[in-house]
Amino acid sequence: MTIIARIPGSLKEWFDGSEEAVIDGKTVGECIDQLDNKFSGLSSRLIDKNGEMSAVLIFLNGENIVNLNGLETDVADGDELGIIPLAAGG
């Protein structure tokens, strides 16, 4: 099963300069684990100690996984994960 993770320019340093990564898994959480295997320490930047997304939003085929089943959301061959940094400001 092939899943594509799309990485915006502002997060490329977390992904060794990559704009996308090919991963596999049955759920979004498994895909995040695969990303962590490729880019050591990445998971702790994306997911906090409580298992919640910390500095990013994650989209599956354009839909925020918060509106689906979170990290337990099933993925299928050809799906795309978008990892978007949270914006802060005032």
PDB file of N, CA and C in Angstrom:
ATOM      1  N   MET A   1       0.845  -1.170   0.000  1.00  0.00           N
ATOM      2  CA  MET A   1       0.000   0.000   0.000  1.00  0.00           C
ATOM      3  C   MET A   1       0.895   1.240   0.000  1.00  0.00           C
ATOM      4  N   THR A   2       0.603   2.155  -0.868  1.00  0.00           N
ATOM      5  CA  THR A   2       1.422   3.351  -0.987  1.00  0.00           C
ATOM      6  C   THR A   2       0.617   4.584  -0.593  1.00  0.00           C
ATOM      7  N   ILE A   3       1.139   5.323   0.369  1.00  0.00           N
ATOM      8  CA  ILE A   3       0.552   6.578   0.829  1.00  0.00           C
ATOM      9  C   ILE A   3       1.606   7.659   0.585  1.00  0.00           C
ATOM     10  N   ILE A   4       1.181   8.821   0.131  1.00  0.00           N
ATOM     11  CA  ILE A   4       2.093   9.937  -0.097  1.00  0.00           C
ATOM     12  C   ILE A   4       1.861  10.978   0.998  1.00  0.00           C
ATOM     13  N   ALA A   5       2.914  11.348   1.682  1.00  0.00           N
ATOM     14  CA  ALA A   5       2.845  12.449   2.646  1.00  0.00           C
ATOM     15  C   ALA A   5       3.408  13.692   1.964  1.00  0.00           C
ATOM     16  N   ARG A   6       2.613  14.737   1.907  1.00  0.00           N
ATOM     17  CA  ARG A   6       3.025  16.004   1.297  1.00  0.00           C
ATOM     18  C   ARG A   6       3.485  16.940   2.415  1.00  0.00           C
ATOM     19  N   ILE A   7       4.641  17.555   2.194  1.00  0.00           N
ATOM     20  CA  ILE A   7       5.265  18.393   3.208  1.00  0.00           C
ATOM     21  C   ILE A   7       5.404  19.821   2.679  1.00  0.00           C
ATOM     22  N   PRO A   8       4.855  20.798   3.407  1.00  0.00           N
ATOM     23  CA  PRO A   8       5.018  22.188   2.969  1.00  0.00           C
ATOM     24  C   PRO A   8       6.442  22.669   3.201  1.00  0.00           C
ATOM     25  N   GLY A   9       6.811  23.701   2.471  1.00  0.00           N
ATOM     26  CA  GLY A   9       8.168  24.235   2.569  1.00  0.00           C
ATOM     27  C   GLY A   9       8.595  24.592   3.976  1.00  0.00           C
ATOM     28  N   SER A  10       7.670  25.082   4.781  1.00  0.00           N
ATOM     29  CA  SER A  10       8.028  25.510   6.140  1.00  0.00           C
ATOM     30  C   SER A  10       8.397  24.347   7.047  1.00  0.00           C
ATOM     31  N   LEU A  11       8.066  23.118   6.669  1.00  0.00           N
ATOM     32  CA  LEU A  11       8.414  21.948   7.484  1.00  0.00           C
ATOM     33  C   LEU A  11       9.475  21.059   6.851  1.00  0.00           C
ATOM     34  N   LYS A  12       9.983  21.455   5.688  1.00  0.00           N
ATOM     35  CA  LYS A  12      10.937  20.607   4.975  1.00  0.00           C
ATOM     36  C   LYS A  12      12.167  20.255   5.810  1.00  0.00           C
ATOM     37  N   GLU A  13      12.567  21.135   6.705  1.00  0.00           N
ATOM     38  CA  GLU A  13      13.749  20.831   7.532  1.00  0.00           C
ATOM     39  C   GLU A  13      13.491  19.627   8.432  1.00  0.00           C
ATOM     40  N   TRP A  14      12.248  19.390   8.820  1.00  0.00           N
ATOM     41  CA  TRP A  14      11.907  18.212   9.626  1.00  0.00           C
ATOM     42  C   TRP A  14      12.009  16.933   8.810  1.00  0.00           C
ATOM     43  N   PHE A  15      11.948  17.080   7.484  1.00  0.00           N
ATOM     44  CA  PHE A  15      11.912  15.943   6.571  1.00  0.00           C
ATOM     45  C   PHE A  15      13.157  15.899   5.687  1.00  0.00           C
ATOM     46  N   ASP A  16      14.271  16.359   6.222  1.00  0.00           N
ATOM     47  CA  ASP A  16      15.546  16.352   5.488  1.00  0.00           C
ATOM     48  C   ASP A  16      15.431  17.016   4.121  1.00  0.00           C
ATOM     49  N   GLY A  17      14.615  18.056   4.016  1.00  0.00           N
ATOM     50  CA  GLY A  17      14.472  18.813   2.784  1.00  0.00           C
ATOM     51  C   GLY A  17      13.478  18.245   1.790  1.00  0.00           C
ATOM     52  N   SER A  18      12.845  17.135   2.130  1.00  0.00           N
ATOM     53  CA  SER A  18      11.900  16.497   1.207  1.00  0.00           C
ATOM     54  C   SER A  18      10.579  17.256   1.119  1.00  0.00           C
ATOM     55  N   GLU A  19       9.962  17.200  -0.045  1.00  0.00           N
ATOM     56  CA  GLU A  19       8.632  17.782  -0.242  1.00  0.00           C
ATOM     57  C   GLU A  19       7.537  16.733  -0.139  1.00  0.00           C
ATOM     58  N   GLU A  20       7.944  15.467  -0.231  1.00  0.00           N
ATOM     59  CA  GLU A  20       6.991  14.384  -0.056  1.00  0.00           C
ATOM     60  C   GLU A  20       7.740  13.132   0.369  1.00  0.00           C
ATOM     61  N   ALA A  21       6.990  12.221   0.958  1.00  0.00           N
ATOM     62  CA  ALA A  21       7.562  10.948   1.381  1.00  0.00           C
ATOM     63  C   ALA A  21       6.558   9.851   1.050  1.00  0.00           C
ATOM     64  N   VAL A  22       7.059   8.739   0.559  1.00  0.00           N
ATOM     65  CA  VAL A  22       6.226   7.584   0.270  1.00  0.00           C
ATOM     66  C   VAL A  22       6.288   6.664   1.481  1.00  0.00           C
ATOM     67  N   ILE A  23       5.127   6.340   2.012  1.00  0.00           N
ATOM     68  CA  ILE A  23       5.048   5.526   3.220  1.00  0.00           C
ATOM     69  C   ILE A  23       3.950   4.487   3.038  1.00  0.00           C
ATOM     70  N   ASP A  24       3.808   3.613   4.038  1.00  0.00           N
ATOM     71  CA  ASP A  24       2.677   2.684   4.026  1.00  0.00           C
ATOM     72  C   ASP A  24       2.167   2.535   5.450  1.00  0.00           C
ATOM     73  N   GLY A  25       1.021   1.961   5.566  1.00  0.00           N
ATOM     74  CA  GLY A  25       0.385   1.764   6.850  1.00  0.00           C
ATOM     75  C   GLY A  25      -1.094   1.539   6.630  1.00  0.00           C
ATOM     76  N   LYS A  26      -1.762   1.118   7.683  1.00  0.00           N
ATOM     77  CA  LYS A  26      -3.204   0.886   7.608  1.00  0.00           C
ATOM     78  C   LYS A  26      -3.995   2.038   8.211  1.00  0.00           C
ATOM     79  N   THR A  27      -3.326   2.831   9.042  1.00  0.00           N
ATOM     80  CA  THR A  27      -3.962   3.982   9.670  1.00  0.00           C
ATOM     81  C   THR A  27      -3.035   5.188   9.564  1.00  0.00           C
ATOM     82  N   VAL A  28      -3.577   6.361   9.833  1.00  0.00           N
ATOM     83  CA  VAL A  28      -2.749   7.568   9.843  1.00  0.00           C
ATOM     84  C   VAL A  28      -1.635   7.412  10.877  1.00  0.00           C
ATOM     85  N   GLY A  29      -1.952   6.870  12.036  1.00  0.00           N
ATOM     86  CA  GLY A  29      -0.939   6.675  13.080  1.00  0.00           C
ATOM     87  C   GLY A  29       0.202   5.789  12.624  1.00  0.00           C
ATOM     88  N   GLU A  30      -0.105   4.714  11.909  1.00  0.00           N
ATOM     89  CA  GLU A  30       0.944   3.839  11.384  1.00  0.00           C
ATOM     90  C   GLU A  30       1.792   4.581  10.353  1.00  0.00           C
ATOM     91  N   CYS A  31       1.154   5.433   9.575  1.00  0.00           N
ATOM     92  CA  CYS A  31       1.901   6.230   8.597  1.00  0.00           C
ATOM     93  C   CYS A  31       2.852   7.199   9.305  1.00  0.00           C
ATOM     94  N   ILE A  32       2.396   7.795  10.396  1.00  0.00           N
ATOM     95  CA  ILE A  32       3.261   8.681  11.178  1.00  0.00           C
ATOM     96  C   ILE A  32       4.447   7.890  11.725  1.00  0.00           C
ATOM     97  N   ASP A  33       4.203   6.663  12.183  1.00  0.00           N
ATOM     98  CA  ASP A  33       5.300   5.809  12.652  1.00  0.00           C
ATOM     99  C   ASP A  33       6.299   5.543  11.530  1.00  0.00           C
ATOM    100  N   GLN A  34       5.798   5.314  10.311  1.00  0.00           N
ATOM    101  CA  GLN A  34       6.674   5.100   9.163  1.00  0.00           C
ATOM    102  C   GLN A  34       7.510   6.351   8.872  1.00  0.00           C
ATOM    103  N   LEU A  35       6.867   7.508   8.978  1.00  0.00           N
ATOM    104  CA  LEU A  35       7.604   8.759   8.781  1.00  0.00           C
ATOM    105  C   LEU A  35       8.695   8.908   9.828  1.00  0.00           C
ATOM    106  N   ASP A  36       8.382   8.519  11.060  1.00  0.00           N
ATOM    107  CA  ASP A  36       9.377   8.602  12.134  1.00  0.00           C
ATOM    108  C   ASP A  36      10.550   7.665  11.872  1.00  0.00           C
ATOM    109  N   ASN A  37      10.284   6.522  11.263  1.00  0.00           N
ATOM    110  CA  ASN A  37      11.373   5.604  10.897  1.00  0.00           C
ATOM    111  C   ASN A  37      12.284   6.222   9.841  1.00  0.00           C
ATOM    112  N   LYS A  38      11.696   6.989   8.918  1.00  0.00           N
ATOM    113  CA  LYS A  38      12.484   7.623   7.858  1.00  0.00           C
ATOM    114  C   LYS A  38      13.178   8.889   8.339  1.00  0.00           C
ATOM    115  N   PHE A  39      12.507   9.620   9.227  1.00  0.00           N
ATOM    116  CA  PHE A  39      13.001  10.913   9.706  1.00  0.00           C
ATOM    117  C   PHE A  39      12.988  10.879  11.236  1.00  0.00           C
ATOM    118  N   SER A  40      14.047  10.368  11.788  1.00  0.00           N
ATOM    119  CA  SER A  40      14.139  10.111  13.231  1.00  0.00           C
ATOM    120  C   SER A  40      13.729  11.315  14.078  1.00  0.00           C
ATOM    121  N   GLY A  41      12.875  11.055  15.048  1.00  0.00           N
ATOM    122  CA  GLY A  41      12.427  12.092  15.962  1.00  0.00           C
ATOM    123  C   GLY A  41      11.233  12.882  15.474  1.00  0.00           C
ATOM    124  N   LEU A  42      10.774  12.596  14.275  1.00  0.00           N
ATOM    125  CA  LEU A  42       9.672  13.355  13.693  1.00  0.00           C
ATOM    126  C   LEU A  42       8.379  13.186  14.490  1.00  0.00           C
ATOM    127  N   SER A  43       8.098  11.985  14.916  1.00  0.00           N
ATOM    128  CA  SER A  43       6.845  11.710  15.616  1.00  0.00           C
ATOM    129  C   SER A  43       6.664  12.617  16.831  1.00  0.00           C
ATOM    130  N   SER A  44       7.733  12.848  17.571  1.00  0.00           N
ATOM    131  CA  SER A  44       7.623  13.698  18.767  1.00  0.00           C
ATOM    132  C   SER A  44       7.367  15.162  18.401  1.00  0.00           C
ATOM    133  N   ARG A  45       7.670  15.544  17.182  1.00  0.00           N
ATOM    134  CA  ARG A  45       7.359  16.905  16.725  1.00  0.00           C
ATOM    135  C   ARG A  45       5.903  17.029  16.290  1.00  0.00           C
ATOM    136  N   LEU A  46       5.327  15.909  15.853  1.00  0.00           N
ATOM    137  CA  LEU A  46       3.966  15.924  15.346  1.00  0.00           C
ATOM    138  C   LEU A  46       2.923  15.573  16.407  1.00  0.00           C
ATOM    139  N   ILE A  47       3.269  14.635  17.290  1.00  0.00           N
ATOM    140  CA  ILE A  47       2.327  14.097  18.267  1.00  0.00           C
ATOM    141  C   ILE A  47       2.877  14.318  19.678  1.00  0.00           C
ATOM    142  N   ASP A  48       2.034  14.863  20.569  1.00  0.00           N
ATOM    143  CA  ASP A  48       2.496  15.101  21.939  1.00  0.00           C
ATOM    144  C   ASP A  48       2.407  13.825  22.784  1.00  0.00           C
ATOM    145  N   LYS A  49       2.765  13.933  24.060  1.00  0.00           N
ATOM    146  CA  LYS A  49       2.795  12.776  24.957  1.00  0.00           C
ATOM    147  C   LYS A  49       1.416  12.181  25.196  1.00  0.00           C
ATOM    148  N   ASN A  50       0.373  12.953  24.952  1.00  0.00           N
ATOM    149  CA  ASN A  50      -0.998  12.474  25.127  1.00  0.00           C
ATOM    150  C   ASN A  50      -1.568  11.863  23.857  1.00  0.00           C
ATOM    151  N   GLY A  51      -0.742  11.764  22.821  1.00  0.00           N
ATOM    152  CA  GLY A  51      -1.194  11.194  21.562  1.00  0.00           C
ATOM    153  C   GLY A  51      -1.996  12.155  20.697  1.00  0.00           C
ATOM    154  N   GLU A  52      -1.878  13.447  20.990  1.00  0.00           N
ATOM    155  CA  GLU A  52      -2.586  14.474  20.232  1.00  0.00           C
ATOM    156  C   GLU A  52      -1.615  15.183  19.290  1.00  0.00           C
ATOM    157  N   MET A  53      -2.129  15.680  18.172  1.00  0.00           N
ATOM    158  CA  MET A  53      -1.291  16.464  17.267  1.00  0.00           C
ATOM    159  C   MET A  53      -0.902  17.745  17.984  1.00  0.00           C
ATOM    160  N   SER A  54       0.369  18.091  17.907  1.00  0.00           N
ATOM    161  CA  SER A  54       0.834  19.249  18.664  1.00  0.00           C
ATOM    162  C   SER A  54       1.038  20.487  17.795  1.00  0.00           C
ATOM    163  N   ALA A  55       1.953  20.459  16.882  1.00  0.00           N
ATOM    164  CA  ALA A  55       2.317  21.661  16.119  1.00  0.00           C
ATOM    165  C   ALA A  55       1.778  21.655  14.696  1.00  0.00           C
ATOM    166  N   VAL A  56       0.981  20.652  14.363  1.00  0.00           N
ATOM    167  CA  VAL A  56       0.523  20.504  12.979  1.00  0.00           C
ATOM    168  C   VAL A  56      -0.945  20.084  12.920  1.00  0.00           C
ATOM    169  N   LEU A  57      -1.503  20.249  11.747  1.00  0.00           N
ATOM    170  CA  LEU A  57      -2.778  19.632  11.381  1.00  0.00           C
ATOM    171  C   LEU A  57      -2.447  18.579  10.342  1.00  0.00           C
ATOM    172  N   ILE A  58      -3.147  17.467  10.377  1.00  0.00           N
ATOM    173  CA  ILE A  58      -2.916  16.402   9.407  1.00  0.00           C
ATOM    174  C   ILE A  58      -4.216  16.185   8.641  1.00  0.00           C
ATOM    175  N   PHE A  59      -4.083  16.191   7.329  1.00  0.00           N
ATOM    176  CA  PHE A  59      -5.233  16.010   6.442  1.00  0.00           C
ATOM    177  C   PHE A  59      -5.064  14.723   5.656  1.00  0.00           C
ATOM    178  N   LEU A  60      -6.155  14.003   5.498  1.00  0.00           N
ATOM    179  CA  LEU A  60      -6.180  12.813   4.658  1.00  0.00           C
ATOM    180  C   LEU A  60      -7.054  13.149   3.455  1.00  0.00           C
ATOM    181  N   ASN A  61      -6.437  13.187   2.283  1.00  0.00           N
ATOM    182  CA  ASN A  61      -7.153  13.540   1.053  1.00  0.00           C
ATOM    183  C   ASN A  61      -7.935  14.839   1.216  1.00  0.00           C
ATOM    184  N   GLY A  62      -7.328  15.800   1.898  1.00  0.00           N
ATOM    185  CA  GLY A  62      -7.926  17.118   2.042  1.00  0.00           C
ATOM    186  C   GLY A  62      -8.852  17.294   3.230  1.00  0.00           C
ATOM    187  N   GLU A  63      -9.105  16.241   3.998  1.00  0.00           N
ATOM    188  CA  GLU A  63     -10.006  16.349   5.147  1.00  0.00           C
ATOM    189  C   GLU A  63      -9.208  16.206   6.445  1.00  0.00           C
ATOM    190  N   ASN A  64      -9.429  17.142   7.358  1.00  0.00           N
ATOM    191  CA  ASN A  64      -8.742  17.131   8.642  1.00  0.00           C
ATOM    192  C   ASN A  64      -9.076  15.836   9.379  1.00  0.00           C
ATOM    193  N   ILE A  65      -8.047  15.109   9.821  1.00  0.00           N
ATOM    194  CA  ILE A  65      -8.299  13.827  10.480  1.00  0.00           C
ATOM    195  C   ILE A  65      -9.019  13.992  11.814  1.00  0.00           C
ATOM    196  N   VAL A  66      -9.016  15.201  12.366  1.00  0.00           N
ATOM    197  CA  VAL A  66      -9.782  15.464  13.595  1.00  0.00           C
ATOM    198  C   VAL A  66     -11.267  15.216  13.328  1.00  0.00           C
ATOM    199  N   ASN A  67     -11.706  15.491  12.110  1.00  0.00           N
ATOM    200  CA  ASN A  67     -13.101  15.283  11.738  1.00  0.00           C
ATOM    201  C   ASN A  67     -13.382  13.845  11.310  1.00  0.00           C
ATOM    202  N   LEU A  68     -12.368  13.028  11.269  1.00  0.00           N
ATOM    203  CA  LEU A  68     -12.521  11.621  10.907  1.00  0.00           C
ATOM    204  C   LEU A  68     -12.349  10.789  12.181  1.00  0.00           C
ATOM    205  N   ASN A  69     -11.359   9.936  12.222  1.00  0.00           N
ATOM    206  CA  ASN A  69     -11.116   9.097  13.396  1.00  0.00           C
ATOM    207  C   ASN A  69      -9.720   9.357  13.958  1.00  0.00           C
ATOM    208  N   GLY A  70      -9.249  10.597  13.819  1.00  0.00           N
ATOM    209  CA  GLY A  70      -7.932  10.961  14.347  1.00  0.00           C
ATOM    210  C   GLY A  70      -6.837  10.086  13.785  1.00  0.00           C
ATOM    211  N   LEU A  71      -5.891   9.741  14.628  1.00  0.00           N
ATOM    212  CA  LEU A  71      -4.757   8.917  14.204  1.00  0.00           C
ATOM    213  C   LEU A  71      -5.175   7.489  13.855  1.00  0.00           C
ATOM    214  N   GLU A  72      -6.371   7.088  14.268  1.00  0.00           N
ATOM    215  CA  GLU A  72      -6.884   5.754  13.957  1.00  0.00           C
ATOM    216  C   GLU A  72      -7.613   5.712  12.620  1.00  0.00           C
ATOM    217  N   THR A  73      -7.643   6.831  11.909  1.00  0.00           N
ATOM    218  CA  THR A  73      -8.304   6.891  10.605  1.00  0.00           C
ATOM    219  C   THR A  73      -7.636   5.916   9.640  1.00  0.00           C
ATOM    220  N   ASP A  74      -8.445   5.079   9.012  1.00  0.00           N
ATOM    221  CA  ASP A  74      -7.926   4.131   8.018  1.00  0.00           C
ATOM    222  C   ASP A  74      -7.447   4.863   6.778  1.00  0.00           C
ATOM    223  N   VAL A  75      -6.401   4.339   6.166  1.00  0.00           N
ATOM    224  CA  VAL A  75      -5.896   4.860   4.902  1.00  0.00           C
ATOM    225  C   VAL A  75      -5.950   3.754   3.862  1.00  0.00           C
ATOM    226  N   ALA A  76      -5.966   4.165   2.605  1.00  0.00           N
ATOM    227  CA  ALA A  76      -6.019   3.210   1.498  1.00  0.00           C
ATOM    228  C   ALA A  76      -4.922   3.541   0.499  1.00  0.00           C
ATOM    229  N   ASP A  77      -4.599   2.572  -0.316  1.00  0.00           N
ATOM    230  CA  ASP A  77      -3.587   2.741  -1.339  1.00  0.00           C
ATOM    231  C   ASP A  77      -3.894   3.985  -2.179  1.00  0.00           C
ATOM    232  N   GLY A  78      -2.887   4.839  -2.352  1.00  0.00           N
ATOM    233  CA  GLY A  78      -3.038   6.040  -3.153  1.00  0.00           C
ATOM    234  C   GLY A  78      -3.497   7.271  -2.384  1.00  0.00           C
ATOM    235  N   ASP A  79      -3.817   7.106  -1.098  1.00  0.00           N
ATOM    236  CA  ASP A  79      -4.222   8.261  -0.292  1.00  0.00           C
ATOM    237  C   ASP A  79      -3.066   9.233  -0.115  1.00  0.00           C
ATOM    238  N   GLU A  80      -3.418  10.484   0.196  1.00  0.00           N
ATOM    239  CA  GLU A  80      -2.409  11.509   0.460  1.00  0.00           C
ATOM    240  C   GLU A  80      -2.623  12.108   1.834  1.00  0.00           C
ATOM    241  N   LEU A  81      -1.534  12.204   2.563  1.00  0.00           N
ATOM    242  CA  LEU A  81      -1.529  12.892   3.851  1.00  0.00           C
ATOM    243  C   LEU A  81      -0.909  14.257   3.647  1.00  0.00           C
ATOM    244  N   GLY A  82      -1.556  15.263   4.153  1.00  0.00           N
ATOM    245  CA  GLY A  82      -1.001  16.607   4.152  1.00  0.00           C
ATOM    246  C   GLY A  82      -0.672  16.990   5.582  1.00  0.00           C
ATOM    247  N   ILE A  83       0.527  17.453   5.800  1.00  0.00           N
ATOM    248  CA  ILE A  83       0.959  17.861   7.137  1.00  0.00           C
ATOM    249  C   ILE A  83       1.173  19.374   7.086  1.00  0.00           C
ATOM    250  N   ILE A  84       0.355  20.093   7.824  1.00  0.00           N
ATOM    251  CA  ILE A  84       0.327  21.548   7.765  1.00  0.00           C
ATOM    252  C   ILE A  84       0.666  22.122   9.135  1.00  0.00           C
ATOM    253  N   PRO A  85       1.616  23.048   9.213  1.00  0.00           N
ATOM    254  CA  PRO A  85       1.944  23.634  10.524  1.00  0.00           C
ATOM    255  C   PRO A  85       0.814  24.536  11.011  1.00  0.00           C
ATOM    256  N   LEU A  86       0.630  24.537  12.323  1.00  0.00           N
ATOM    257  CA  LEU A  86      -0.326  25.450  12.917  1.00  0.00           C
ATOM    258  C   LEU A  86       0.233  26.849  12.808  1.00  0.00           C
ATOM    259  N   ALA A  87      -0.624  27.796  12.519  1.00  0.00           N
ATOM    260  CA  ALA A  87      -0.198  29.198  12.431  1.00  0.00           C
ATOM    261  C   ALA A  87      -0.465  29.862  13.784  1.00  0.00           C
ATOM    262  N   ALA A  88       0.473  30.667  14.190  1.00  0.00           N
ATOM    263  CA  ALA A  88       0.316  31.414  15.435  1.00  0.00           C
ATOM    264  C   ALA A  88       0.491  32.891  15.121  1.00  0.00           C
ATOM    265  N   GLY A  89      -0.098  33.682  15.896  1.00  0.00           N
ATOM    266  CA  GLY A  89       0.043  35.106  15.658  1.00  0.00           C
ATOM    267  C   GLY A  89      -0.842  35.890  16.608  1.00  0.00           C
ATOM    268  N   GLY A  90      -0.801  37.141  16.438  1.00  0.00           N
ATOM    269  CA  GLY A  90      -1.604  37.938  17.342  1.00  0.00           C
ATOM    270  C   GLY A  90      -1.902  39.280  16.752  1.00  0.00           C
TER     271      GLY A  90
END
